[in-house]
N, C-alpha and C. Protein backbone atom coordinates (compact mmCIF):
# COMPACT_ATOMS: atom_id res chain seq x y z
N MET A 1 4.53 13.62 -3.53
CA MET A 1 4.13 13.86 -2.24
C MET A 1 3.26 12.51 -2.05
N PRO A 2 3.17 11.92 -0.86
CA PRO A 2 1.97 10.94 -0.64
C PRO A 2 0.96 11.51 0.05
N ALA A 3 -0.27 10.75 -0.29
CA ALA A 3 -1.66 11.10 -0.10
C ALA A 3 -1.67 11.16 1.49
N PRO A 4 -2.54 11.79 1.86
CA PRO A 4 -2.47 11.69 3.31
C PRO A 4 -3.79 10.95 3.60
N SER A 5 -3.44 10.53 4.99
CA SER A 5 -4.28 8.89 5.69
C SER A 5 -5.80 9.54 5.76
N PRO A 6 -6.70 10.13 4.99
CA PRO A 6 -7.73 10.36 4.91
C PRO A 6 -8.80 10.23 6.36
N ARG A 7 -8.59 9.05 6.84
CA ARG A 7 -9.69 8.68 7.64
C ARG A 7 -8.85 9.11 9.07
N PHE A 8 -7.83 9.56 9.35
CA PHE A 8 -7.08 10.07 10.83
C PHE A 8 -6.27 11.30 10.23
N ALA A 9 -6.29 11.61 9.07
CA ALA A 9 -5.38 12.92 8.63
C ALA A 9 -5.99 14.10 9.75
N HIS A 10 -4.53 14.59 10.32
CA HIS A 10 -4.93 16.18 11.25
C HIS A 10 -5.75 15.57 12.46
N ASP A 11 -5.77 14.08 12.80
CA ASP A 11 -6.14 14.28 13.95
C ASP A 11 -5.41 14.63 15.01
N PRO A 12 -5.85 15.20 16.11
CA PRO A 12 -4.65 15.68 17.26
C PRO A 12 -3.82 14.97 17.72
N VAL A 13 -4.05 13.10 17.49
CA VAL A 13 -2.58 12.66 17.91
C VAL A 13 -1.55 12.50 17.21
N LEU A 14 -2.02 12.76 15.63
CA LEU A 14 -1.22 12.70 14.85
C LEU A 14 -0.55 14.02 14.74
N VAL A 15 -1.20 15.19 15.04
CA VAL A 15 -0.53 16.29 14.64
C VAL A 15 0.35 16.52 16.16
N ALA A 16 0.36 16.12 17.18
CA ALA A 16 0.98 16.05 18.32
C ALA A 16 2.11 15.49 18.16
N PHE A 17 2.20 13.92 17.46
CA PHE A 17 3.12 13.14 17.34
C PHE A 17 3.81 13.84 16.13
N GLY A 18 3.30 14.52 15.21
CA GLY A 18 4.08 15.18 14.40
C GLY A 18 5.31 16.66 14.71
N GLU A 19 4.35 17.13 15.61
CA GLU A 19 5.08 18.06 16.23
C GLU A 19 6.35 17.85 16.94
N THR A 20 6.04 16.72 17.83
CA THR A 20 7.32 16.30 18.61
C THR A 20 8.24 15.63 17.66
N VAL A 21 8.09 15.27 16.59
CA VAL A 21 9.13 15.06 15.53
C VAL A 21 10.03 15.84 15.33
N ARG A 22 9.11 17.10 14.48
CA ARG A 22 9.73 18.22 13.90
C ARG A 22 10.57 18.95 15.32
N ALA A 23 10.15 18.92 16.46
CA ALA A 23 10.92 19.67 17.47
C ALA A 23 12.35 18.99 17.78
N VAL A 24 11.78 17.70 17.69
CA VAL A 24 13.15 16.99 18.01
C VAL A 24 14.28 16.87 17.15
N ARG A 25 13.67 16.65 15.91
CA ARG A 25 14.30 16.89 14.63
C ARG A 25 15.23 18.30 14.83
N ARG A 26 14.77 19.37 14.73
CA ARG A 26 15.03 20.82 14.95
C ARG A 26 16.41 20.60 15.86
N GLU A 27 16.03 20.20 17.21
CA GLU A 27 16.92 20.27 18.34
C GLU A 27 18.17 19.23 17.89
N ARG A 28 18.00 18.69 17.20
CA ARG A 28 19.42 17.79 17.02
C ARG A 28 20.17 18.19 15.60
N GLY A 29 19.48 19.56 15.08
CA GLY A 29 20.15 20.28 14.00
C GLY A 29 19.88 19.61 12.50
N LEU A 30 18.95 18.64 12.25
CA LEU A 30 18.66 18.16 11.20
C LEU A 30 17.69 18.48 10.06
N SER A 31 17.90 18.64 8.87
CA SER A 31 16.85 19.01 7.99
C SER A 31 15.99 17.97 7.74
N GLN A 32 14.79 18.17 7.46
CA GLN A 32 14.19 17.10 7.17
C GLN A 32 14.46 15.83 5.93
N GLU A 33 15.28 16.27 5.13
CA GLU A 33 16.08 15.74 4.14
C GLU A 33 17.02 14.49 5.10
N ASP A 34 17.80 15.34 5.86
CA ASP A 34 18.61 14.54 6.47
C ASP A 34 18.09 13.35 7.52
N LEU A 35 17.00 13.58 8.08
CA LEU A 35 16.50 12.98 8.88
C LEU A 35 15.45 11.76 7.65
N ALA A 36 15.04 11.85 6.70
CA ALA A 36 14.31 10.98 6.09
C ALA A 36 15.54 10.35 5.52
N HIS A 37 16.64 10.41 5.09
CA HIS A 37 17.70 9.91 4.75
C HIS A 37 17.99 8.62 5.89
N VAL A 38 18.43 8.95 6.98
CA VAL A 38 18.98 8.12 8.10
C VAL A 38 17.99 7.58 8.63
N ALA A 39 16.30 7.81 8.55
CA ALA A 39 15.56 7.14 8.71
C ALA A 39 14.83 5.86 7.55
N HIS A 40 15.55 6.13 6.20
CA HIS A 40 15.16 5.47 5.18
C HIS A 40 13.97 5.41 5.03
N LEU A 41 13.34 6.90 5.07
CA LEU A 41 12.05 7.16 4.75
C LEU A 41 12.10 8.51 3.44
N ASP A 42 11.11 8.29 2.68
CA ASP A 42 11.26 9.43 1.74
C ASP A 42 10.69 10.70 2.62
N ARG A 43 11.11 12.00 1.57
CA ARG A 43 11.27 13.13 2.55
C ARG A 43 9.80 13.76 2.85
N SER A 44 9.04 13.20 1.37
CA SER A 44 7.63 14.04 1.27
C SER A 44 6.71 13.19 2.49
N TYR A 45 7.28 11.78 2.70
CA TYR A 45 6.49 11.21 3.71
C TYR A 45 6.82 11.61 5.11
N LEU A 46 7.54 11.54 5.30
CA LEU A 46 8.62 12.53 7.08
C LEU A 46 7.74 13.93 6.98
N SER A 47 7.60 14.66 5.78
CA SER A 47 6.98 16.10 5.73
C SER A 47 5.33 15.65 6.45
N SER A 48 4.99 14.72 5.74
CA SER A 48 3.69 14.43 5.68
C SER A 48 3.33 14.18 7.20
N ILE A 49 4.16 13.30 7.97
CA ILE A 49 4.12 13.01 9.33
C ILE A 49 4.18 14.13 10.42
N GLU A 50 5.20 14.86 9.82
CA GLU A 50 5.31 16.28 10.54
C GLU A 50 4.00 17.10 10.43
N ARG A 51 3.16 16.89 9.46
CA ARG A 51 2.24 18.05 9.91
C ARG A 51 0.97 17.41 10.10
N GLY A 52 1.14 15.96 10.50
CA GLY A 52 -0.01 15.41 10.88
C GLY A 52 -0.91 14.76 9.77
N ALA A 53 -0.43 14.33 8.61
CA ALA A 53 -1.17 13.88 7.50
C ALA A 53 -1.16 12.53 7.41
N GLN A 54 -0.24 12.05 8.12
CA GLN A 54 -0.16 10.45 7.71
C GLN A 54 0.01 9.89 9.44
N ASN A 55 -0.68 8.72 9.24
CA ASN A 55 -0.66 7.82 10.31
C ASN A 55 0.54 7.09 10.16
N PRO A 56 1.58 7.16 10.60
CA PRO A 56 2.73 5.99 10.34
C PRO A 56 2.81 5.06 11.26
N GLY A 57 3.02 4.00 10.59
CA GLY A 57 3.05 2.66 11.28
C GLY A 57 4.15 2.27 12.06
N LEU A 58 4.42 0.92 13.02
CA LEU A 58 5.46 1.29 14.02
C LEU A 58 6.79 1.04 12.98
N ILE A 59 7.20 0.80 12.24
CA ILE A 59 8.16 0.43 11.63
C ILE A 59 8.82 2.04 11.16
N ALA A 60 7.73 2.83 10.79
CA ALA A 60 8.39 4.10 10.33
C ALA A 60 8.44 4.81 11.52
N ILE A 61 7.89 4.63 12.43
CA ILE A 61 7.89 5.08 13.92
C ILE A 61 9.51 4.80 14.62
N SER A 62 9.69 3.52 14.34
CA SER A 62 10.83 2.84 15.08
C SER A 62 12.15 3.60 14.31
N ARG A 63 11.99 3.55 12.89
CA ARG A 63 13.52 4.29 12.21
C ARG A 63 13.31 5.73 12.55
N ILE A 64 12.52 6.61 12.61
CA ILE A 64 12.54 7.56 13.10
C ILE A 64 13.14 8.09 14.37
N ALA A 65 12.45 7.33 15.40
CA ALA A 65 13.47 7.12 16.98
C ALA A 65 14.90 6.97 17.10
N ALA A 66 15.00 5.79 15.92
CA ALA A 66 16.37 5.52 15.97
C ALA A 66 17.11 6.78 15.26
N ALA A 67 16.59 7.33 14.17
CA ALA A 67 17.47 8.31 13.32
C ALA A 67 17.55 9.47 13.86
N LEU A 68 16.77 9.85 15.15
CA LEU A 68 16.84 10.92 16.08
C LEU A 68 17.53 10.41 17.37
N ASP A 69 17.89 9.31 17.40
CA ASP A 69 18.89 8.69 18.83
C ASP A 69 17.81 8.74 19.64
N VAL A 70 16.75 8.37 19.87
CA VAL A 70 15.83 8.06 21.02
C VAL A 70 14.74 7.01 20.82
N PRO A 71 14.37 6.98 22.20
CA PRO A 71 13.57 5.87 22.34
C PRO A 71 12.48 6.25 21.52
N ILE A 72 11.11 5.08 21.29
CA ILE A 72 10.18 5.51 20.72
C ILE A 72 9.05 6.10 21.83
N ALA A 73 9.57 5.65 23.15
CA ALA A 73 8.44 5.93 24.27
C ALA A 73 8.90 7.86 24.51
N HIS A 74 10.26 7.97 23.94
CA HIS A 74 10.71 9.68 24.46
C HIS A 74 9.70 10.37 23.36
N LEU A 75 9.13 10.14 22.16
CA LEU A 75 8.37 10.68 21.21
C LEU A 75 6.91 10.54 21.86
N MET A 76 6.74 9.46 22.24
CA MET A 76 5.28 9.32 22.63
C MET A 76 5.31 10.25 23.94
N LEU A 77 5.77 10.27 24.71
CA LEU A 77 5.72 11.03 25.84
C LEU A 77 5.75 12.34 25.96
N GLU A 78 6.82 13.01 25.13
CA GLU A 78 7.06 14.78 24.51
C GLU A 78 5.42 14.70 23.43
N ALA A 79 5.29 13.74 23.18
CA ALA A 79 3.92 14.23 22.23
C ALA A 79 2.41 13.94 23.42
N GLU A 80 2.79 14.04 24.61
CA GLU A 80 1.87 13.31 25.45
C GLU A 80 0.49 12.64 24.90
N ILE A 81 0.85 11.57 24.38
CA ILE A 81 -0.05 10.50 23.82
C ILE A 81 0.26 8.80 24.10
């Protein structure tokens, strides 16, 4: 499992983003493994994002949004960030 981003781990912004990713993933009927595969990310990294333990970069966010078939802005708006 990747080490958390210690400086920002569990920051409310990261937690809100992760909860949104999880909610949209579940709405789409995808497992973490399925989403990680389509997004070309490691499943443990995706799990850390969903828990708010990682501060994902723009590339990872873009891959997640594309795999969920939503604009990046949708994830941000749903997370209220």
